[in-house]
C-alpha atoms as a PDB file:
ATOM      1  CA  MET A   1     -17.487 -72.560 -59.446  1.00  0.00           C
ATOM      2  CA  HIS A   2     -19.234 -70.870 -62.821  1.00  0.00           C
ATOM      3  CA  ILE A   3     -17.899 -67.804 -64.089  1.00  0.00           C
ATOM      4  CA  SER A   4     -19.255 -66.258 -67.652  1.00  0.00           C
ATOM      5  CA  LEU A   5     -16.454 -64.571 -69.807  1.00  0.00           C
ATOM      6  CA  THR A   6     -17.194 -61.914 -72.919  1.00  0.00           C
ATOM      7  CA  THR A   7     -17.046 -63.540 -76.423  1.00  0.00           C
ATOM      8  CA  GLU A   8     -13.815 -62.134 -76.616  1.00  0.00           C
ATOM      9  CA  LEU A   9     -12.514 -62.752 -72.919  1.00  0.00           C
ATOM     10  CA  GLU A  10     -12.902 -66.389 -73.971  1.00  0.00           C
ATOM     11  CA  SER A  11     -11.656 -66.071 -77.077  1.00  0.00           C
ATOM     12  CA  ARG A  12      -8.380 -65.091 -75.974  1.00  0.00           C
ATOM     13  CA  ALA A  13      -8.530 -67.707 -73.157  1.00  0.00           C
ATOM     14  CA  LYS A  14      -9.076 -70.047 -75.786  1.00  0.00           C
ATOM     15  CA  ASP A  15      -6.114 -68.527 -77.537  1.00  0.00           C
ATOM     16  CA  LYS A  16      -3.525 -68.728 -74.838  1.00  0.00           C
ATOM     17  CA  VAL A  17      -4.553 -72.597 -74.213  1.00  0.00           C
ATOM     18  CA  GLU A  18      -4.055 -73.256 -78.180  1.00  0.00           C
ATOM     19  CA  SER A  19      -0.560 -71.880 -78.223  1.00  0.00           C
ATOM     20  CA  GLY A  20       0.539 -74.147 -76.054  1.00  0.00           C
ATOM     21  CA  LEU A  21       0.754 -72.363 -72.482  1.00  0.00           C
ATOM     22  CA  TYR A  22      -1.606 -73.259 -70.297  1.00  0.00           C
ATOM     23  CA  ASN A  23      -3.193 -76.890 -70.279  1.00  0.00           C
ATOM     24  CA  ASN A  24      -6.968 -75.283 -69.846  1.00  0.00           C
ATOM     25  CA  THR A  25      -8.604 -71.623 -69.480  1.00  0.00           C
ATOM     26  CA  SER A  26      -8.540 -72.265 -65.858  1.00  0.00           C
ATOM     27  CA  GLU A  27      -5.053 -72.006 -65.786  1.00  0.00           C
ATOM     28  CA  VAL A  28      -5.197 -68.741 -67.892  1.00  0.00           C
ATOM     29  CA  ILE A  29      -7.692 -67.392 -65.328  1.00  0.00           C
ATOM     30  CA  CYS A  30      -5.774 -68.563 -62.469  1.00  0.00           C
ATOM     31  CA  GLU A  31      -2.882 -66.848 -63.675  1.00  0.00           C
ATOM     32  CA  ALA A  32      -4.620 -63.295 -64.730  1.00  0.00           C
ATOM     33  CA  LEU A  33      -5.761 -63.600 -61.011  1.00  0.00           C
ATOM     34  CA  ARG A  34      -2.088 -63.842 -59.984  1.00  0.00           C
ATOM     35  CA  PHE A  35      -0.928 -61.341 -62.270  1.00  0.00           C
ATOM     36  CA  MET A  36      -3.796 -58.491 -60.496  1.00  0.00           C
ATOM     37  CA  ASP A  37      -2.436 -59.608 -57.201  1.00  0.00           C
ATOM     38  CA  THR A  38       0.868 -58.750 -58.122  1.00  0.00           C
ATOM     39  CA  HIS A  39      -0.465 -55.532 -60.291  1.00  0.00           C
ATOM     40  CA  GLU A  40      -2.092 -54.344 -56.963  1.00  0.00           C
ATOM     41  CA  ASP A  41       0.766 -54.876 -55.080  1.00  0.00           C
ATOM     42  CA  TRP A  42       2.291 -52.813 -57.216  1.00  0.00           C
ATOM     43  CA  MET A  43       0.143 -49.856 -57.524  1.00  0.00           C
ATOM     44  CA  HIS A  44      -0.328 -49.909 -53.247  1.00  0.00           C
ATOM     45  CA  GLU A  45       3.557 -49.891 -53.622  1.00  0.00           C
ATOM     46  CA  VAL A  46       3.254 -46.562 -56.065  1.00  0.00           C
ATOM     47  CA  THR A  47       0.642 -44.677 -54.321  1.00  0.00           C
ATOM     48  CA  LEU A  48       2.497 -45.199 -51.145  1.00  0.00           C
ATOM     49  CA  ALA A  49       5.795 -43.439 -52.775  1.00  0.00           C
ATOM     50  CA  ARG A  50       3.490 -40.503 -54.064  1.00  0.00           C
ATOM     51  CA  LEU A  51       2.427 -39.785 -50.786  1.00  0.00           C
ATOM     52  CA  ARG A  52       5.784 -40.030 -48.355  1.00  0.00           C
ATOM     53  CA  LYS A  53       7.081 -37.559 -51.533  1.00  0.00           C
ATOM     54  CA  GLN A  54       3.879 -35.510 -50.821  1.00  0.00           C
ATOM     55  CA  LEU A  55       4.381 -35.463 -47.309  1.00  0.00           C
ATOM     56  CA  LYS A  56       7.974 -34.496 -48.011  1.00  0.00           C
ATOM     57  CA  VAL A  57       7.565 -31.517 -49.626  1.00  0.00           C
ATOM     58  CA  GLY A  58       5.222 -30.591 -47.136  1.00  0.00           C
ATOM     59  CA  ALA A  59       7.873 -31.274 -44.236  1.00  0.00           C
ATOM     60  CA  ASP A  60      10.012 -28.903 -46.180  1.00  0.00           C
ATOM     61  CA  GLN A  61       7.951 -26.826 -46.557  1.00  0.00           C
ATOM     62  CA  LEU A  62       7.024 -26.425 -42.636  1.00  0.00           C
ATOM     63  CA  ASP A  63      10.810 -26.789 -41.637  1.00  0.00           C
ATOM     64  CA  ARG A  64      11.511 -23.654 -44.151  1.00  0.00           C
ATOM     65  CA  GLY A  65       8.446 -22.370 -42.326  1.00  0.00           C
ATOM     66  CA  GLU A  66       6.433 -22.041 -45.081  1.00  0.00           C
ATOM     67  CA  GLY A  67       3.632 -23.207 -42.820  1.00  0.00           C
ATOM     68  CA  ILE A  68       0.241 -21.812 -42.750  1.00  0.00           C
ATOM     69  CA  VAL A  69      -1.938 -21.437 -39.424  1.00  0.00           C
ATOM     70  CA  ILE A  70      -5.894 -22.665 -39.608  1.00  0.00           C
ATOM     71  CA  LYS A  71      -7.464 -20.880 -37.121  1.00  0.00           C
ATOM     72  CA  SER A  72     -11.053 -22.055 -38.431  1.00  0.00           C
ATOM     73  CA  LYS A  73     -13.252 -24.511 -39.329  1.00  0.00           C
ATOM     74  CA  THR A  74     -14.413 -22.239 -42.169  1.00  0.00           C
ATOM     75  CA  ALA A  75     -10.482 -21.850 -43.561  1.00  0.00           C
ATOM     76  CA  LEU A  76     -10.321 -24.749 -43.540  1.00  0.00           C
ATOM     77  CA  ASP A  77     -13.157 -25.397 -45.643  1.00  0.00           C
ATOM     78  CA  SER A  78     -11.810 -22.842 -47.740  1.00  0.00           C
ATOM     79  CA  LEU A  79      -8.274 -24.404 -48.083  1.00  0.00           C
ATOM     80  CA  PHE A  80      -9.555 -27.306 -49.279  1.00  0.00           C
ATOM     81  CA  ASN A  81     -12.394 -25.648 -51.434  1.00  0.00           C
ATOM     82  CA  ASP A  82      -9.169 -23.904 -53.182  1.00  0.00           C
ATOM     83  CA  ILE A  83      -7.168 -26.990 -53.571  1.00  0.00           C
ATOM     84  CA  LYS A  84     -10.071 -28.682 -55.124  1.00  0.00           C
ATOM     85  CA  GLY A  85     -10.554 -25.891 -57.893  1.00  0.00           C
END
C-alpha cells in the first residue's frame, strides 16, 4: 500500500519515529488509525447517550400530558420547520 502525506504530516510522523516511540512511520500510521477507531467508538457512545437523554425528556413530557397531537402532514411539516428555525 502506498499513502501520501502532506509535508507537515510526514514531518510529524518522522518526529514520532525519531523520538523513539515508534520503530518506523508504519507504526505511527497504525497507531493513528487505532486512535481513530477508539475515538469513533467513543463519539458513537456520546451520541447514543445524548439521544437517550433527549428521548427521556420527551417521554417524561408525554407522561406529564405535555404532548401534542399532529393531525396532518402539513402540521407535521410545520412543526419540523419550526424546529429547524
